[in-house]
Every structure is written in structure tokens, then in C-alpha cells.
Amino acid sequence: MSVLSFLYPLVRAYLFRMDAETAHNLTLRFLDAAVHTDLTCCFVPHIPNTPRTVMGLIFPNLVGLAAGLDKNGDYIHGLAALGFGFIEIGTVTPRPQPGNPRTRLFRLPQADALINRMGFNNHGVDALITNLRSICYRGVLGLNIGKNADTPIEYAVNDYLYCLERVYPFASYVAINISSPNTKNLRQLQAPDELPALLKALKEKQHRLADLHGKQVPLALKIAPDLNEEQIKLLADILLKHRVDGVIATNTTLLRTAVQSLPYSQEDGGLSGRPLFNPSNWVIQKLHMQLGDAIPIIGVGGILSGQDAHAKLMAGASLVQIYTGLIYRGPRLVSECVRATAGCCD
């Protein structure tokens, strides 16, 4: 057990006395300082190498960091030092935007959950590219892109195409975020009358960029958990028709059934953490029934133990991602999930 894993309950108690967003930023700055002073060896547990090829990429292990923790690529090395098999950065938009007014991140510790309404706060895609040019990171890097809040939904495709072109040379894969509940009307893009046109444009741009840069960068669509069985079937048909390279299931949920009696449960925003575990697994199972092995699924939502990560793979995922669980469990969760998923589904 690493030093930080042992101490994390004490660290968490201190951090949880702060506003959640302030604690978030402080933790990232600490990680950045630790990796630049070679202190990570004191608090990062050993992570076994358990490689798997997914979307044509070789992942050193099956456990990734979900988008949202590092919006602008400021802390890639510090986060990678925790042992993740891949890191997803963003969501990033064409132009900088402040996101929604604070307070916009809420802890529900009785449920191991968070509610956020961050609203794609980020410094814009050009700032992300500047950061990526200044670092030397050789791991698998996902770059998550979205639209600006003030871009009308009928012109959203232009934002996605612009970001895709900008991030393509730096990305191992690109995640297309059309499922955040915190940008008005964004989830409308998942609808059967909207999604095909978006995917057609993105895949055409992907082919042109592959020729230009001499490499194929996979596109993975990030979807919502708040879909019924018929919607999932229609979505799967569209994904197969347009030969999307991967799907990330799922984003946060608008449902409050599991937390309705808790403080902050009625705050606007997306709910993540333990209450999302079963709903996201249900979506993964239904999606995998439709997709089979044709399109890999990255499972995310409510992973707070190695057993949870294993269950995501059993539901049909090829890889998993964590975020809220990292806040509640600390660095130990990464190595625990890596070990629990080693050799699974080979």
C-alpha cells in the first residue's frame, strides 16, 4: 500500500471541509507539484502492466480517467502518475468559456456521489493545444470535444468539426461529447433525426485528417444514461451504420431517485458516483447486445471498487473509466481496478 493510499482518508477529510471545486483544483496542483519533484514514487502504488488493444490502440491497462477532471490538459503528467492506462482530457470547446456560475459542484457523501453543473468551463481548444505542445506525454490520450454554450444547436456540427481538426494531431482518440446535461439542448444531438448528420460530417472529416496526418485517430461517442431500450437500439443502429470507432457509456444522469432525500439532491446538474452504477451498467448491457464486438464500449459510471470495474467489463465494456470514485477512494482505486480487470474477458 502506498503512503498516500494509507493517508488518503485523512486527506479527504481535510479536502471535504472545502468547497468541492476549490478542493478539486488544490488536489490537481498538488499532483502537479509532486510529479515535478519526483515525489510520486512515495504515494503511487505499483501498477501491473495488463495491455489490451482496443480501437486499434494499445492500452497498458484497462482503467482510464474520465473527462472532466482536467479540462485544459494542465495536469496530464500528475494524473498519469497515478497509474491510469489512459487519460481523457476536456471537455474542450472552440472558444474559451467560464461555464456556469459557482457554486456548481456538490458532494453527496452519503451516496458516494457528486452533482455537477460545470457547463464545459475551459480555456478553449487553442489553449489546450498550447499545453499539449509543451509536454512530452507518450501514453494513450483521449481528447474530449464539445460545443460552445452560445452556439445554436443547429450549428453545433461546426464546433465539433473545428475542435476535431485542431486536436487530431495530438489525440490517441477523440471523444465526442453530446450527452452533458449542463449545456442547453446538447442531448438533442443524440436524437435519431440529429445524430446521423453529425456523425456523417465527423467521419468524413476524420478520413480527410487521417490522410493529411498519416494516422487514424478513433472517434468515440459519449452518450447519456437516461435512454430507454428503444432509444438505445436506434442509437446502436446509427453507430453501426456510420462505423463509429467506440462509444463511452455513460455520462452523468438527471435522475434523482436514489438520492432524493439527501442534501443537494435537488440541485440542477448531472449526478455521478454510486447511484449511476446500475443505470450505466444497464445501458452498457443493452448497447452491447446490439453492437456485439463491432464497436467497443468504454464503461464509466459509479466505479468505487475493483469489483465495480470488473462488473462493467462483464456488462460488455472493453475498457473502464473512473472520476467520482477517485475523489471518494483516492489513488488506491486505480491499482485496485487494474488488478481486478487484469486478464478479464481475454
Protein backbone atom coordinates (compact mmCIF):
# COMPACT_ATOMS: atom_id res chain seq x y z
CA MET A 1 0.00 0.00 0.00
CA SER A 2 1.34 3.44 -0.93
CA VAL A 3 1.80 6.24 1.60
CA LEU A 4 -0.92 8.38 0.07
CA SER A 5 -3.35 5.48 -0.13
CA PHE A 6 -2.85 4.95 3.61
CA LEU A 7 -3.21 8.65 4.38
CA TYR A 8 -5.98 9.43 1.89
CA PRO A 9 -8.89 9.13 4.38
CA LEU A 10 -7.24 11.89 6.42
CA VAL A 11 -6.51 13.93 3.31
CA ARG A 12 -10.08 13.50 2.14
CA ALA A 13 -11.46 14.67 5.47
CA TYR A 14 -9.43 17.87 5.09
CA LEU A 15 -10.44 18.38 1.45
CA PHE A 16 -14.12 17.72 2.17
CA ARG A 17 -14.16 20.69 4.53
CA MET A 18 -13.58 22.91 1.47
CA ASP A 19 -15.85 23.86 -1.36
CA ALA A 20 -15.75 20.92 -3.78
CA GLU A 21 -14.35 22.87 -6.74
CA THR A 22 -11.67 24.52 -4.60
CA ALA A 23 -10.59 21.10 -3.28
CA HIS A 24 -10.55 19.76 -6.82
CA ASN A 25 -8.17 22.48 -8.01
CA LEU A 26 -5.94 22.19 -4.93
CA THR A 27 -5.57 18.42 -5.41
CA LEU A 28 -4.57 18.82 -9.05
CA ARG A 29 -1.96 21.43 -8.14
CA PHE A 30 -0.55 19.07 -5.51
CA LEU A 31 -0.29 16.24 -8.04
CA ASP A 32 1.45 18.55 -10.49
CA ALA A 33 3.96 19.64 -7.85
CA ALA A 34 4.57 16.05 -6.75
CA VAL A 35 5.34 14.77 -10.24
CA HIS A 36 7.72 17.66 -10.91
CA THR A 37 9.64 16.97 -7.69
CA ASP A 38 9.75 13.17 -8.17
CA LEU A 39 7.62 12.60 -5.07
CA THR A 40 5.06 10.41 -6.82
CA CYS A 41 7.07 7.28 -6.03
CA CYS A 42 6.20 7.90 -2.38
CA PHE A 43 2.43 7.75 -2.86
CA VAL A 44 1.66 5.85 -6.07
CA PRO A 45 1.19 2.09 -5.72
CA HIS A 46 2.72 -0.34 -8.19
CA ILE A 47 0.50 -0.78 -11.23
CA PRO A 48 0.84 -4.06 -13.16
CA ASN A 49 1.11 -3.93 -16.94
CA THR A 50 -2.00 -5.58 -18.38
CA PRO A 51 -2.13 -4.43 -22.01
CA ARG A 52 -5.12 -4.69 -24.30
CA THR A 53 -5.73 -3.48 -27.86
CA VAL A 54 -8.99 -1.55 -28.28
CA MET A 55 -9.94 0.76 -31.19
CA GLY A 56 -6.58 -0.16 -32.71
CA LEU A 57 -4.74 1.37 -29.73
CA ILE A 58 -2.60 -0.49 -27.19
CA PHE A 59 -3.72 0.41 -23.66
CA PRO A 60 -1.19 -0.51 -20.92
CA ASN A 61 -4.15 -1.35 -18.65
CA LEU A 62 -7.93 -1.17 -18.90
CA VAL A 63 -8.53 1.65 -16.40
CA GLY A 64 -8.76 5.24 -17.59
CA LEU A 65 -9.53 8.66 -16.18
CA ALA A 66 -12.84 10.06 -17.41
CA ALA A 67 -13.07 13.54 -18.88
CA GLY A 68 -13.87 16.45 -16.60
CA LEU A 69 -11.11 16.29 -14.02
CA ASP A 70 -8.53 18.09 -16.20
CA LYS A 71 -10.37 20.36 -18.59
CA ASN A 72 -7.37 22.01 -20.25
CA GLY A 73 -4.53 19.49 -20.18
CA ASP A 74 -2.78 21.28 -17.32
CA TYR A 75 -2.15 18.20 -15.17
CA ILE A 76 -1.62 15.27 -17.54
CA HIS A 77 1.67 14.07 -16.07
CA GLY A 78 0.43 14.25 -12.48
CA LEU A 79 -2.71 12.28 -13.31
CA ALA A 80 -0.82 9.74 -15.41
CA ALA A 81 1.48 9.10 -12.44
CA LEU A 82 -1.50 7.57 -10.60
CA GLY A 83 -1.23 4.58 -12.94
CA PHE A 84 -4.07 5.10 -15.40
CA GLY A 85 -3.91 3.15 -18.65
CA PHE A 86 -5.28 6.20 -20.44
CA ILE A 87 -6.22 9.80 -19.68
CA GLU A 88 -9.15 11.69 -21.17
CA ILE A 89 -8.91 15.50 -21.17
CA GLY A 90 -11.72 18.03 -21.61
CA THR A 91 -14.43 18.73 -22.47
CA VAL A 92 -12.88 21.48 -24.60
CA THR A 93 -14.80 23.91 -26.84
CA PRO A 94 -13.72 26.10 -29.78
CA ARG A 95 -13.71 29.30 -27.72
CA PRO A 96 -12.95 29.79 -24.02
CA GLN A 97 -15.99 29.90 -21.76
CA PRO A 98 -16.40 30.27 -17.99
CA GLY A 99 -19.10 27.65 -17.62
CA ASN A 100 -22.00 28.06 -15.23
CA PRO A 101 -21.83 30.33 -12.17
CA ARG A 102 -20.33 28.90 -8.98
CA THR A 103 -21.31 27.07 -6.79
CA ARG A 104 -21.65 24.31 -9.41
CA LEU A 105 -20.16 21.16 -7.87
CA PHE A 106 -21.80 19.40 -4.90
CA ARG A 107 -20.81 16.37 -2.83
CA LEU A 108 -23.36 13.82 -1.62
CA PRO A 109 -21.07 11.73 0.62
CA GLN A 110 -23.88 9.56 2.00
CA ALA A 111 -24.28 8.21 -1.55
CA ASP A 112 -20.63 8.42 -2.71
CA ALA A 113 -21.91 10.81 -5.35
CA LEU A 114 -21.43 14.21 -6.94
CA ILE A 115 -23.73 16.60 -8.74
CA ASN A 116 -22.10 18.98 -11.19
CA ARG A 117 -23.34 21.68 -13.49
CA MET A 118 -19.91 22.91 -14.59
CA GLY A 119 -21.07 23.74 -18.12
CA PHE A 120 -17.95 22.96 -20.16
CA ASN A 121 -15.80 25.54 -18.37
CA ASN A 122 -12.49 25.56 -20.24
CA HIS A 123 -9.84 27.81 -21.77
CA GLY A 124 -10.70 26.89 -25.35
CA VAL A 125 -9.14 24.44 -27.76
CA ASP A 126 -6.21 26.70 -28.65
CA ALA A 127 -5.09 26.84 -25.00
CA LEU A 128 -5.32 23.04 -24.83
CA ILE A 129 -3.15 22.72 -27.94
CA THR A 130 -0.59 25.09 -26.42
CA ASN A 131 -0.41 22.87 -23.33
CA LEU A 132 -0.09 19.71 -25.37
CA ARG A 133 2.76 21.18 -27.42
CA SER A 134 4.68 21.92 -24.22
CA ILE A 135 4.59 18.42 -22.72
CA CYS A 136 6.04 15.08 -23.71
CA TYR A 137 3.40 12.52 -22.86
CA ARG A 138 3.58 9.15 -24.62
CA GLY A 139 0.57 7.45 -23.05
CA VAL A 140 -2.88 6.96 -24.53
CA LEU A 141 -4.55 10.37 -24.54
CA GLY A 142 -8.24 10.95 -25.24
CA LEU A 143 -9.34 14.48 -26.08
CA ASN A 144 -13.00 15.21 -25.38
CA ILE A 145 -14.67 17.89 -27.51
CA GLY A 146 -17.96 19.78 -27.29
CA LYS A 147 -19.78 22.87 -28.48
CA ASN A 148 -19.80 26.36 -27.01
CA ALA A 149 -22.86 27.18 -24.93
CA ASP A 150 -23.82 30.11 -27.16
CA THR A 151 -23.54 28.17 -30.42
CA PRO A 152 -27.08 27.43 -31.67
CA ILE A 153 -27.77 23.72 -31.71
CA GLU A 154 -28.36 23.78 -35.48
CA TYR A 155 -24.73 24.92 -35.94
CA ALA A 156 -23.21 22.58 -33.34
CA VAL A 157 -21.57 20.45 -36.02
CA ASN A 158 -19.30 23.37 -36.90
CA ASP A 159 -17.93 23.48 -33.34
CA TYR A 160 -17.25 19.73 -33.32
CA LEU A 161 -15.54 19.83 -36.71
CA TYR A 162 -13.37 22.77 -35.68
CA CYS A 163 -12.27 21.07 -32.46
CA LEU A 164 -11.68 17.75 -34.21
CA GLU A 165 -9.37 19.37 -36.73
CA ARG A 166 -7.42 21.17 -34.01
CA VAL A 167 -6.96 18.24 -31.60
CA TYR A 168 -6.49 15.46 -34.17
CA PRO A 169 -2.67 15.57 -34.39
CA PHE A 170 -2.34 15.32 -30.58
CA ALA A 171 -5.01 12.74 -29.74
CA SER A 172 -4.84 8.97 -29.39
CA TYR A 173 -8.63 9.09 -29.71
CA VAL A 174 -11.24 11.86 -29.77
CA ALA A 175 -14.37 11.69 -27.61
CA ILE A 176 -17.47 13.44 -28.98
CA ASN A 177 -19.48 14.75 -26.02
CA ILE A 178 -23.14 15.16 -26.97
CA SER A 179 -24.52 13.99 -23.64
CA SER A 180 -23.66 16.52 -20.95
CA PRO A 181 -26.85 17.69 -19.25
CA ASN A 182 -25.28 21.06 -18.48
CA THR A 183 -25.29 22.64 -21.96
CA LYS A 184 -28.76 23.61 -23.15
CA ASN A 185 -30.23 21.26 -25.77
CA LEU A 186 -26.96 19.34 -26.17
CA ARG A 187 -28.58 15.94 -25.65
CA GLN A 188 -30.85 16.74 -28.57
CA LEU A 189 -27.89 15.73 -30.77
CA GLN A 190 -28.40 12.09 -29.67
CA ALA A 191 -31.82 12.00 -31.36
CA PRO A 192 -32.23 9.82 -34.48
CA ASP A 193 -33.09 12.87 -36.59
CA GLU A 194 -29.94 14.77 -35.49
CA LEU A 195 -27.17 12.24 -34.84
CA PRO A 196 -26.69 10.77 -38.35
CA ALA A 197 -25.81 14.15 -39.89
CA LEU A 198 -23.34 14.91 -37.10
CA LEU A 199 -21.62 11.52 -37.37
CA LYS A 200 -21.50 11.69 -41.17
CA ALA A 201 -19.73 15.04 -41.03
CA LEU A 202 -17.33 13.90 -38.31
CA LYS A 203 -16.42 10.65 -40.08
CA GLU A 204 -15.80 12.47 -43.35
CA LYS A 205 -13.53 14.92 -41.53
CA GLN A 206 -11.79 12.01 -39.78
CA HIS A 207 -10.96 10.38 -43.13
CA ARG A 208 -9.56 13.63 -44.52
CA LEU A 209 -7.48 14.24 -41.40
CA ALA A 210 -6.17 10.67 -41.47
CA ASP A 211 -4.87 11.25 -44.99
CA LEU A 212 -3.40 14.61 -44.02
CA HIS A 213 -1.62 13.41 -40.88
CA GLY A 214 -0.86 9.84 -41.89
CA LYS A 215 -2.59 8.30 -38.87
CA GLN A 216 -6.05 7.07 -37.96
CA VAL A 217 -7.40 8.62 -34.76
CA PRO A 218 -10.53 6.80 -33.49
CA LEU A 219 -13.74 8.67 -32.70
CA ALA A 220 -15.73 7.62 -29.61
CA LEU A 221 -19.22 8.97 -28.95
CA LYS A 222 -20.10 9.74 -25.31
CA ILE A 223 -23.76 9.02 -24.55
CA ALA A 224 -26.23 9.67 -21.73
CA PRO A 225 -27.54 7.06 -19.28
CA ASP A 226 -31.08 8.43 -19.49
CA LEU A 227 -32.09 6.39 -22.54
CA ASN A 228 -34.76 3.73 -22.87
CA GLU A 229 -34.34 0.41 -24.65
CA GLU A 230 -35.81 1.60 -27.94
CA GLN A 231 -33.58 4.69 -27.94
CA ILE A 232 -30.53 2.50 -27.33
CA LYS A 233 -31.46 0.24 -30.24
CA LEU A 234 -31.87 3.20 -32.59
CA LEU A 235 -28.60 4.68 -31.34
CA ALA A 236 -26.75 1.40 -31.90
CA ASP A 237 -28.08 1.17 -35.45
CA ILE A 238 -26.77 4.66 -36.19
CA LEU A 239 -23.37 3.91 -34.64
CA LEU A 240 -23.01 0.78 -36.75
CA LYS A 241 -24.14 2.48 -39.95
CA HIS A 242 -21.61 5.28 -39.55
CA ARG A 243 -18.84 2.97 -38.31
CA VAL A 244 -18.09 4.91 -35.16
CA ASP A 245 -14.91 3.57 -33.57
CA GLY A 246 -16.08 3.46 -29.95
CA VAL A 247 -18.81 4.52 -27.54
CA ILE A 248 -18.41 5.85 -24.00
CA ALA A 249 -21.28 4.80 -21.74
CA THR A 250 -22.22 6.81 -19.85
CA ASN A 251 -22.25 10.47 -18.91
CA THR A 252 -23.99 11.73 -15.75
CA THR A 253 -27.71 11.27 -15.08
CA LEU A 254 -30.56 13.68 -14.45
CA LEU A 255 -32.41 11.10 -12.35
CA ARG A 256 -32.51 11.63 -8.57
CA THR A 257 -34.41 8.54 -7.42
CA ALA A 258 -31.51 7.11 -5.40
CA VAL A 259 -30.60 10.38 -3.67
CA GLN A 260 -33.85 12.33 -3.44
CA SER A 261 -33.77 12.58 0.37
CA LEU A 262 -30.17 13.82 0.59
CA PRO A 263 -28.85 17.39 0.88
CA TYR A 264 -28.14 18.98 -2.52
CA SER A 265 -30.08 16.25 -4.33
CA GLN A 266 -32.35 18.80 -5.99
CA GLU A 267 -29.51 20.89 -7.37
CA ASP A 268 -29.52 21.15 -11.15
CA GLY A 269 -26.83 19.18 -12.96
CA GLY A 270 -25.64 15.68 -13.66
CA LEU A 271 -25.40 13.05 -10.92
CA SER A 272 -22.35 10.78 -10.85
CA GLY A 273 -20.93 8.21 -8.47
CA ARG A 274 -22.51 5.14 -6.91
CA PRO A 275 -26.13 5.96 -7.89
CA LEU A 276 -25.04 5.88 -11.54
CA PHE A 277 -23.51 2.39 -11.33
CA ASN A 278 -26.59 0.30 -12.13
CA PRO A 279 -28.12 2.66 -14.71
CA SER A 280 -24.86 2.86 -16.66
CA ASN A 281 -24.41 -0.92 -16.49
CA TRP A 282 -27.92 -1.37 -17.86
CA VAL A 283 -27.10 0.89 -20.82
CA ILE A 284 -23.82 -0.97 -21.41
CA GLN A 285 -25.61 -4.33 -21.41
CA LYS A 286 -28.33 -3.20 -23.81
CA LEU A 287 -25.82 -1.47 -26.06
CA HIS A 288 -23.53 -4.50 -26.15
CA MET A 289 -26.48 -6.70 -27.10
CA GLN A 290 -26.95 -4.52 -30.19
CA LEU A 291 -23.30 -3.85 -31.05
CA GLY A 292 -21.67 -7.17 -30.16
CA ASP A 293 -17.94 -6.86 -30.77
CA ALA A 294 -18.35 -4.48 -33.73
CA ILE A 295 -17.88 -1.32 -31.64
CA PRO A 296 -16.04 -1.35 -28.29
CA ILE A 297 -17.63 0.26 -25.24
CA ILE A 298 -15.79 2.28 -22.62
CA GLY A 299 -17.78 1.80 -19.41
CA VAL A 300 -17.99 4.65 -16.93
CA GLY A 301 -20.31 5.46 -14.06
CA GLY A 302 -20.22 4.62 -10.38
CA ILE A 303 -17.00 2.62 -10.13
CA LEU A 304 -15.87 2.69 -6.49
CA SER A 305 -14.09 -0.67 -6.26
CA GLY A 306 -12.23 -3.22 -8.30
CA GLN A 307 -15.35 -5.37 -8.24
CA ASP A 308 -17.31 -2.49 -9.81
CA ALA A 309 -14.76 -2.20 -12.62
CA HIS A 310 -14.95 -5.95 -13.23
CA ALA A 311 -18.76 -5.71 -13.39
CA LYS A 312 -18.53 -3.07 -16.11
CA LEU A 313 -16.48 -5.48 -18.23
CA MET A 314 -18.95 -8.29 -17.53
CA ALA A 315 -21.74 -5.99 -18.73
CA GLY A 316 -19.97 -5.62 -22.07
CA ALA A 317 -17.35 -2.89 -21.74
CA SER A 318 -13.84 -3.30 -23.14
CA LEU A 319 -12.32 -0.52 -21.01
CA VAL A 320 -13.45 1.42 -17.95
CA GLN A 321 -13.06 4.97 -16.68
CA ILE A 322 -13.29 6.48 -13.20
CA TYR A 323 -13.74 10.00 -11.84
CA THR A 324 -16.07 10.35 -8.85
CA GLY A 325 -14.72 7.14 -7.32
CA LEU A 326 -11.23 8.65 -7.36
CA ILE A 327 -12.48 11.52 -5.22
CA TYR A 328 -14.05 9.20 -2.66
CA ARG A 329 -11.49 6.37 -2.66
CA GLY A 330 -8.24 8.08 -3.67
CA PRO A 331 -5.30 6.66 -5.68
CA ARG A 332 -5.75 3.14 -4.29
CA LEU A 333 -8.83 2.76 -6.51
CA VAL A 334 -6.73 2.87 -9.68
CA SER A 335 -4.46 -0.06 -8.79
CA GLU A 336 -7.41 -1.97 -7.30
CA CYS A 337 -9.34 -1.65 -10.57
CA VAL A 338 -6.31 -2.54 -12.70
CA ARG A 339 -5.79 -5.75 -10.72
CA ALA A 340 -9.49 -6.63 -10.79
CA THR A 341 -9.67 -6.25 -14.56
CA ALA A 342 -6.35 -7.93 -15.40
CA GLY A 343 -6.99 -10.85 -17.74
CA CYS A 344 -10.73 -10.22 -17.73
CA CYS A 345 -12.58 -11.02 -20.94
CA ASP A 346 -9.41 -12.09 -22.81
